[in-house]
Amino acid sequence: MRLLMLGGTGFVGGAVVAEAVRRDWQVTVFNRGVHGQAPPGVHRLRGDRTAPDGLAALAGGEWDLVVDTWDGAPRVVRDAASALVGAVPHYVYVSSGSVYAPPVELGTGEEAPTVAADPDADDGDYPENKAGGELAATRVFGDRALLVRAGLILGPGEDIGRLPWWLNRIARGGDVLAPGPRDLPIQYVDVRDLATWLLDRGAEGVGGAYNVIGRTGHATMGELLDAAVAATGSGATLRWTPPEPILAAGVVPWNDLPVWVPQGHEYRWLQERNVERAYAAGLVCRPVTETVADTWRWLREVGQVPARAGRPTRAPVGLAPEREATLLASLPA
């Protein structure tokens, strides 16, 4: 198989490239060449897809599959798809569950309506950009476009820092504010399982939209944080705390305490989407202990969460130490 990866140095793109190389595919990455490195044997093409004639390096090429993770202006997906329509038979666009139009019901499947978006737009917010990217890919490739609606993505290489924040916090030791309940089901996908699935289905020519994320309850908050304690070898004590005092203190789920979204919260749907279509199409998810241990191993190698390639700087995730200490001090012993 001949893979063209648009980008290829970020979190998901890097995992896709690594998996394709492991399969001995012929891999070409197309990017500006200013972030990261490609594995040995990968062919690199240079270009800025946002610039006039920025796709010129793709002219004359032929591939079996293209994967695109773009999350900016939808017109950029439109232009790439249009440039490649005669050069590749199948287009995989890594989208997001954020495309669903609010209010989003628990258990939402791929048939749910998406936010209003324009495939020709110069920019928008994240849901509009991803939804517009979907429209752009399908307008050009039709049912030869695979729309991969991922959710919470964890694993080595994570450039947002959700799981790395928990690992670093637990590694510091002491009392750790653990948002309960322990058995709260969480929903995520390891980036390597995501990459495996999209390459498998892309190679088969599968099209349409899929929620590509593990089942709710594949792990719990307790299992995730216990795995972090084990992986780091920390002497930290997890102070399990009900949601009510945490929310009353103004702590924001998902951002201040990454991954955690309690039952009844307006964004709980982020942890409870219907994924049976993806599982029927071969999705397999590894144990949470493997994801956590491998992420800790990678984090120690790189030293810190890398900057997000080609994307604006995001606000850091995680609760400030002084806020955590104040909240813990207010709890019953």
Protein backbone atom coordinates (compact mmCIF):
# COMPACT_ATOMS: atom_id res chain seq x y z
CA MET A 1 0.00 0.00 0.00
CA ARG A 2 1.10 3.53 -0.79
CA LEU A 3 0.02 5.98 1.92
CA LEU A 4 0.00 9.75 1.67
CA MET A 5 -0.18 11.36 5.11
CA LEU A 6 -1.06 15.05 5.14
CA GLY A 7 0.93 16.26 8.13
CA GLY A 8 2.41 13.26 9.84
CA THR A 9 4.39 14.81 12.68
CA GLY A 10 1.60 15.46 15.20
CA PHE A 11 -0.11 13.11 17.64
CA VAL A 12 -2.54 11.21 15.41
CA GLY A 13 -0.59 11.72 12.19
CA GLY A 14 2.57 10.44 13.80
CA ALA A 15 0.81 7.31 15.04
CA VAL A 16 -0.65 6.67 11.58
CA VAL A 17 2.78 7.02 9.97
CA ALA A 18 4.38 4.72 12.56
CA GLU A 19 1.73 2.05 12.03
CA ALA A 20 2.02 2.26 8.23
CA VAL A 21 5.81 1.93 8.46
CA ARG A 22 5.39 -1.09 10.74
CA ARG A 23 3.30 -2.67 7.97
CA ASP A 24 6.06 -2.01 5.42
CA TRP A 25 3.82 0.32 3.43
CA GLN A 26 5.33 2.95 1.18
CA VAL A 27 4.73 6.16 3.15
CA THR A 28 4.85 9.75 1.96
CA VAL A 29 4.28 12.66 4.32
CA PHE A 30 3.35 16.10 3.06
CA ASN A 31 3.95 19.03 5.41
CA ARG A 32 5.86 22.27 5.85
CA GLY A 33 8.87 20.49 7.33
CA VAL A 34 9.08 22.70 10.40
CA HIS A 35 7.88 20.27 13.10
CA GLY A 36 9.09 16.82 14.05
CA GLN A 37 10.84 14.10 12.12
CA ALA A 38 9.55 11.26 9.97
CA PRO A 39 10.80 7.69 10.54
CA PRO A 40 13.60 6.40 8.30
CA GLY A 41 12.41 5.35 4.87
CA VAL A 42 9.50 7.79 4.76
CA HIS A 43 9.41 10.06 1.72
CA ARG A 44 8.84 13.73 2.54
CA LEU A 45 7.17 16.31 0.35
CA ARG A 46 7.26 19.98 1.33
CA GLY A 47 4.44 22.45 1.04
CA ASP A 48 2.13 24.76 2.97
CA ARG A 49 -1.40 23.67 2.15
CA THR A 50 -2.79 27.04 3.28
CA ALA A 51 -0.73 29.02 0.74
CA PRO A 52 -1.38 29.68 -2.96
CA ASP A 53 0.12 26.80 -4.94
CA GLY A 54 0.98 25.21 -1.62
CA LEU A 55 -0.07 21.77 -2.87
CA ALA A 56 2.21 21.85 -5.91
CA ALA A 57 4.51 19.13 -4.54
CA LEU A 58 1.63 16.64 -4.77
CA ALA A 59 1.28 17.05 -8.54
CA GLY A 60 1.97 13.87 -10.48
CA GLY A 61 1.90 11.60 -7.43
CA GLU A 62 -0.18 8.46 -7.05
CA TRP A 63 -1.18 6.74 -3.82
CA ASP A 64 -3.64 4.11 -2.63
CA LEU A 65 -4.83 6.04 0.41
CA VAL A 66 -4.62 9.52 1.90
CA VAL A 67 -5.15 10.40 5.57
CA ASP A 68 -5.92 13.97 6.64
CA THR A 69 -6.18 15.25 10.24
CA TRP A 70 -6.71 18.96 9.45
CA ASP A 71 -8.77 20.91 12.00
CA GLY A 72 -8.55 24.44 10.63
CA ALA A 73 -10.37 26.14 7.75
CA PRO A 74 -12.55 23.62 5.86
CA ARG A 75 -11.49 25.11 2.51
CA VAL A 76 -8.04 23.62 3.14
CA VAL A 77 -9.55 20.13 3.17
CA ARG A 78 -11.56 21.06 0.08
CA ASP A 79 -8.44 22.13 -1.79
CA ALA A 80 -6.43 19.05 -0.78
CA ALA A 81 -9.25 16.68 -1.72
CA SER A 82 -9.73 18.43 -5.05
CA ALA A 83 -6.01 18.24 -5.82
CA LEU A 84 -5.88 14.54 -4.98
CA VAL A 85 -9.13 13.24 -6.47
CA GLY A 86 -7.35 11.83 -9.50
CA ALA A 87 -4.30 10.64 -7.62
CA VAL A 88 -5.79 8.51 -4.85
CA PRO A 89 -8.96 6.39 -4.69
CA HIS A 90 -9.82 6.83 -1.02
CA TYR A 91 -9.75 9.76 1.44
CA VAL A 92 -9.67 9.26 5.21
CA TYR A 93 -10.56 12.37 7.19
CA VAL A 94 -9.95 12.24 10.94
CA SER A 95 -12.86 14.21 12.34
CA SER A 96 -14.31 14.47 15.86
CA GLY A 97 -17.40 13.77 17.90
CA SER A 98 -17.52 17.52 18.40
CA VAL A 99 -19.32 17.76 15.04
CA TYR A 100 -22.64 16.70 16.62
CA ALA A 101 -25.16 19.49 16.99
CA PRO A 102 -26.16 20.33 20.58
CA PRO A 103 -27.92 19.24 22.60
CA VAL A 104 -26.22 15.88 22.16
CA GLU A 105 -28.03 12.93 23.68
CA LEU A 106 -26.27 10.14 25.55
CA GLY A 107 -25.63 7.22 23.25
CA THR A 108 -25.55 9.37 20.12
CA GLY A 109 -24.76 7.47 16.94
CA GLU A 110 -23.51 8.50 13.54
CA GLU A 111 -27.02 9.30 12.32
CA ALA A 112 -27.35 12.31 14.65
CA PRO A 113 -27.37 15.80 13.08
CA THR A 114 -24.12 17.74 12.90
CA VAL A 115 -23.48 21.45 13.38
CA ALA A 116 -24.10 23.81 10.48
CA ALA A 117 -20.88 24.13 8.52
CA ASP A 118 -19.51 25.29 5.18
CA PRO A 119 -16.91 23.28 3.24
CA ASP A 120 -15.69 26.53 1.66
CA ALA A 121 -15.28 28.41 4.95
CA ASP A 122 -12.07 30.25 5.79
CA ASP A 123 -12.40 29.37 9.46
CA GLY A 124 -14.78 28.73 12.32
CA ASP A 125 -14.77 27.17 15.76
CA TYR A 126 -13.52 23.62 16.18
CA PRO A 127 -16.88 21.83 15.63
CA GLU A 128 -17.61 23.95 12.54
CA ASN A 129 -14.15 23.32 11.13
CA LYS A 130 -14.36 19.58 11.58
CA ALA A 131 -17.92 19.39 10.23
CA GLY A 132 -16.88 21.57 7.29
CA GLY A 133 -13.91 19.31 6.68
CA GLU A 134 -16.26 16.32 6.55
CA LEU A 135 -18.44 18.10 4.01
CA ALA A 136 -15.43 19.04 1.92
CA ALA A 137 -14.06 15.50 1.84
CA THR A 138 -17.42 13.96 0.96
CA ARG A 139 -18.24 16.61 -1.64
CA VAL A 140 -15.13 15.60 -3.57
CA PHE A 141 -14.84 11.87 -2.79
CA GLY A 142 -18.45 10.93 -2.00
CA ASP A 143 -18.75 7.45 -0.53
CA ARG A 144 -15.01 7.03 -1.01
CA ALA A 145 -14.45 9.31 2.00
CA LEU A 146 -14.10 7.72 5.44
CA LEU A 147 -15.02 10.10 8.26
CA VAL A 148 -13.35 9.03 11.49
CA ARG A 149 -15.19 10.73 14.36
CA ALA A 150 -12.76 10.21 17.18
CA GLY A 151 -13.34 11.29 20.76
CA LEU A 152 -10.90 11.42 23.65
CA ILE A 153 -7.60 10.15 22.24
CA LEU A 154 -4.92 9.00 24.67
CA GLY A 155 -1.56 7.30 24.35
CA PRO A 156 2.10 8.02 23.59
CA GLY A 157 2.61 11.30 21.76
CA GLU A 158 -0.44 13.05 23.23
CA ASP A 159 0.05 16.76 22.58
CA ILE A 160 -2.88 18.13 24.61
CA GLY A 161 -1.59 16.67 27.84
CA ARG A 162 -4.61 15.12 29.52
CA LEU A 163 -3.16 11.76 30.50
CA PRO A 164 0.34 13.26 30.86
CA TRP A 165 -1.06 15.72 33.40
CA TRP A 166 -2.43 12.89 35.52
CA LEU A 167 0.81 10.95 35.24
CA ASN A 168 2.96 13.92 36.23
CA ARG A 169 0.63 14.85 39.06
CA ILE A 170 0.58 11.34 40.50
CA ALA A 171 4.34 11.00 40.06
CA ARG A 172 4.78 14.01 42.37
CA GLY A 173 3.13 11.99 45.13
CA GLY A 174 1.19 13.12 48.16
CA ASP A 175 -2.57 13.35 48.37
CA VAL A 176 -4.13 13.53 44.89
CA LEU A 177 -7.63 14.84 44.31
CA ALA A 178 -9.30 11.90 42.57
CA PRO A 179 -12.68 12.85 41.10
CA GLY A 180 -15.29 10.23 41.84
CA PRO A 181 -16.91 7.97 41.74
CA ARG A 182 -14.16 5.40 41.27
CA ASP A 183 -16.39 3.30 39.04
CA LEU A 184 -17.32 6.20 36.71
CA PRO A 185 -17.15 4.74 33.19
CA ILE A 186 -14.89 6.62 30.77
CA GLN A 187 -14.73 6.50 26.97
CA TYR A 188 -11.51 7.03 25.00
CA VAL A 189 -9.36 5.41 22.33
CA ASP A 190 -5.64 4.69 22.31
CA VAL A 191 -4.10 6.56 19.38
CA ARG A 192 -2.45 3.38 18.14
CA ASP A 193 -5.77 1.53 18.04
CA LEU A 194 -7.27 4.48 16.18
CA ALA A 195 -4.43 4.40 13.64
CA THR A 196 -4.75 0.64 13.16
CA TRP A 197 -8.49 0.83 12.57
CA LEU A 198 -8.43 3.73 10.11
CA LEU A 199 -5.63 2.17 8.05
CA ASP A 200 -7.41 -1.19 7.98
CA ARG A 201 -10.70 0.33 6.88
CA GLY A 202 -9.05 2.81 4.55
CA ALA A 203 -7.19 0.02 2.78
CA GLU A 204 -10.52 -1.77 2.34
CA GLY A 205 -12.12 1.32 0.81
CA VAL A 206 -14.71 1.72 3.57
CA GLY A 207 -16.59 5.02 3.49
CA GLY A 208 -19.04 6.91 5.67
CA ALA A 209 -18.98 8.19 9.25
CA TYR A 210 -17.89 6.16 12.27
CA ASN A 211 -17.58 7.01 15.96
CA VAL A 212 -14.11 5.53 16.48
CA ILE A 213 -13.66 5.34 20.22
CA GLY A 214 -13.77 2.60 22.83
CA ARG A 215 -16.96 1.53 24.52
CA THR A 216 -18.07 3.48 27.58
CA GLY A 217 -16.73 1.50 30.51
CA HIS A 218 -13.77 -0.01 28.65
CA ALA A 219 -12.13 1.56 31.71
CA THR A 220 -13.21 3.58 34.73
CA MET A 221 -11.67 6.62 36.40
CA GLY A 222 -10.50 4.31 39.16
CA GLU A 223 -8.80 1.95 36.75
CA LEU A 224 -7.17 4.84 34.89
CA LEU A 225 -5.73 6.47 38.00
CA ASP A 226 -4.76 3.16 39.61
CA ALA A 227 -2.86 2.36 36.42
CA ALA A 228 -1.11 5.73 36.67
CA VAL A 229 -0.04 5.01 40.26
CA ALA A 230 1.31 1.63 39.19
CA ALA A 231 3.09 2.93 36.10
CA THR A 232 4.84 5.79 37.90
CA GLY A 233 5.71 3.76 40.98
CA SER A 234 4.42 6.67 43.01
CA GLY A 235 3.53 6.65 46.67
CA ALA A 236 0.62 9.00 45.94
CA THR A 237 -2.64 8.58 47.81
CA LEU A 238 -5.77 8.94 45.69
CA ARG A 239 -8.33 10.94 47.68
CA TRP A 240 -11.57 9.87 46.03
CA THR A 241 -14.07 12.70 46.24
CA PRO A 242 -17.72 12.88 45.12
CA PRO A 243 -18.50 15.26 42.26
CA GLU A 244 -20.56 17.70 44.33
CA PRO A 245 -17.80 19.42 46.36
CA ILE A 246 -15.51 19.45 43.33
CA LEU A 247 -18.08 21.18 41.14
CA ALA A 248 -19.06 23.53 43.97
CA ALA A 249 -15.43 24.69 44.13
CA GLY A 250 -15.65 25.80 40.50
CA VAL A 251 -13.53 22.97 39.11
CA VAL A 252 -14.27 22.45 35.42
CA PRO A 253 -14.62 18.83 34.31
CA TRP A 254 -12.52 17.74 31.33
CA ASN A 255 -10.22 20.79 31.57
CA ASP A 256 -9.28 21.24 35.23
CA LEU A 257 -9.49 17.51 35.89
CA PRO A 258 -8.78 15.94 32.50
CA VAL A 259 -10.83 12.97 31.24
CA TRP A 260 -13.39 13.31 34.07
CA VAL A 261 -16.98 14.22 33.17
CA PRO A 262 -19.44 13.23 35.93
CA GLN A 263 -22.86 11.76 35.35
CA GLY A 264 -25.50 14.43 34.75
CA HIS A 265 -23.05 17.01 33.41
CA GLU A 266 -24.02 18.72 30.14
CA TYR A 267 -20.93 17.30 28.42
CA ARG A 268 -21.33 13.76 29.72
CA TRP A 269 -22.14 12.72 26.14
CA LEU A 270 -18.41 13.05 25.43
CA GLN A 271 -18.04 9.82 27.41
CA GLU A 272 -21.18 8.05 26.20
CA ARG A 273 -21.37 7.82 22.41
CA ASN A 274 -22.63 4.81 20.50
CA VAL A 275 -19.67 2.97 18.97
CA GLU A 276 -21.19 -0.30 17.83
CA ARG A 277 -20.71 0.56 14.16
CA ALA A 278 -16.94 0.91 14.62
CA TYR A 279 -16.72 -2.30 16.66
CA ALA A 280 -18.69 -4.16 13.99
CA ALA A 281 -16.10 -2.85 11.54
CA GLY A 282 -13.21 -4.31 13.51
CA LEU A 283 -12.26 -1.81 16.23
CA VAL A 284 -10.15 -3.45 18.96
CA CYS A 285 -9.03 -1.50 22.04
CA ARG A 286 -6.09 -2.43 24.23
CA PRO A 287 -6.22 -2.47 28.07
CA VAL A 288 -5.99 0.84 29.89
CA THR A 289 -2.93 -0.40 31.80
CA GLU A 290 -1.02 -0.66 28.50
CA THR A 291 -2.04 2.82 27.35
CA VAL A 292 -1.05 4.38 30.67
CA ALA A 293 2.26 2.53 31.05
CA ASP A 294 3.34 3.26 27.48
CA THR A 295 2.40 6.93 27.82
CA TRP A 296 4.48 7.23 30.99
CA ARG A 297 7.43 5.53 29.27
CA TRP A 298 7.16 7.95 26.34
CA LEU A 299 6.74 10.98 28.61
CA ARG A 300 9.94 10.16 30.48
CA GLU A 301 11.76 9.88 27.16
CA VAL A 302 10.60 13.25 25.77
CA GLY A 303 10.55 15.13 29.07
CA GLN A 304 7.47 17.22 28.41
CA VAL A 305 4.31 17.34 26.33
CA PRO A 306 5.30 18.48 22.83
CA ALA A 307 3.88 21.56 21.17
CA ARG A 308 0.97 20.86 18.83
CA ALA A 309 2.42 20.86 15.33
CA GLY A 310 1.02 23.60 13.14
CA ARG A 311 -1.75 24.54 15.58
CA PRO A 312 -2.35 27.50 17.89
CA THR A 313 -1.22 27.12 21.47
CA ARG A 314 -3.99 25.74 23.69
CA ALA A 315 -4.62 26.69 27.28
CA PRO A 316 -2.93 24.12 29.53
CA VAL A 317 -5.11 21.44 31.09
CA GLY A 318 -5.03 20.43 34.72
CA LEU A 319 -5.77 21.86 38.14
CA ALA A 320 -3.25 24.28 39.61
CA PRO A 321 -1.48 22.82 42.69
CA GLU A 322 -2.71 25.57 45.01
CA ARG A 323 -6.33 25.04 43.97
CA GLU A 324 -6.01 21.30 44.51
CA ALA A 325 -4.44 21.82 47.93
CA THR A 326 -7.20 24.21 48.99
CA LEU A 327 -9.91 21.83 47.90
CA LEU A 328 -8.28 18.83 49.59
CA ALA A 329 -7.94 20.81 52.82
CA SER A 330 -11.66 21.51 52.79
CA LEU A 331 -12.62 17.84 52.57
CA PRO A 332 -13.32 15.61 55.56
CA ALA A 333 -10.30 13.63 56.66
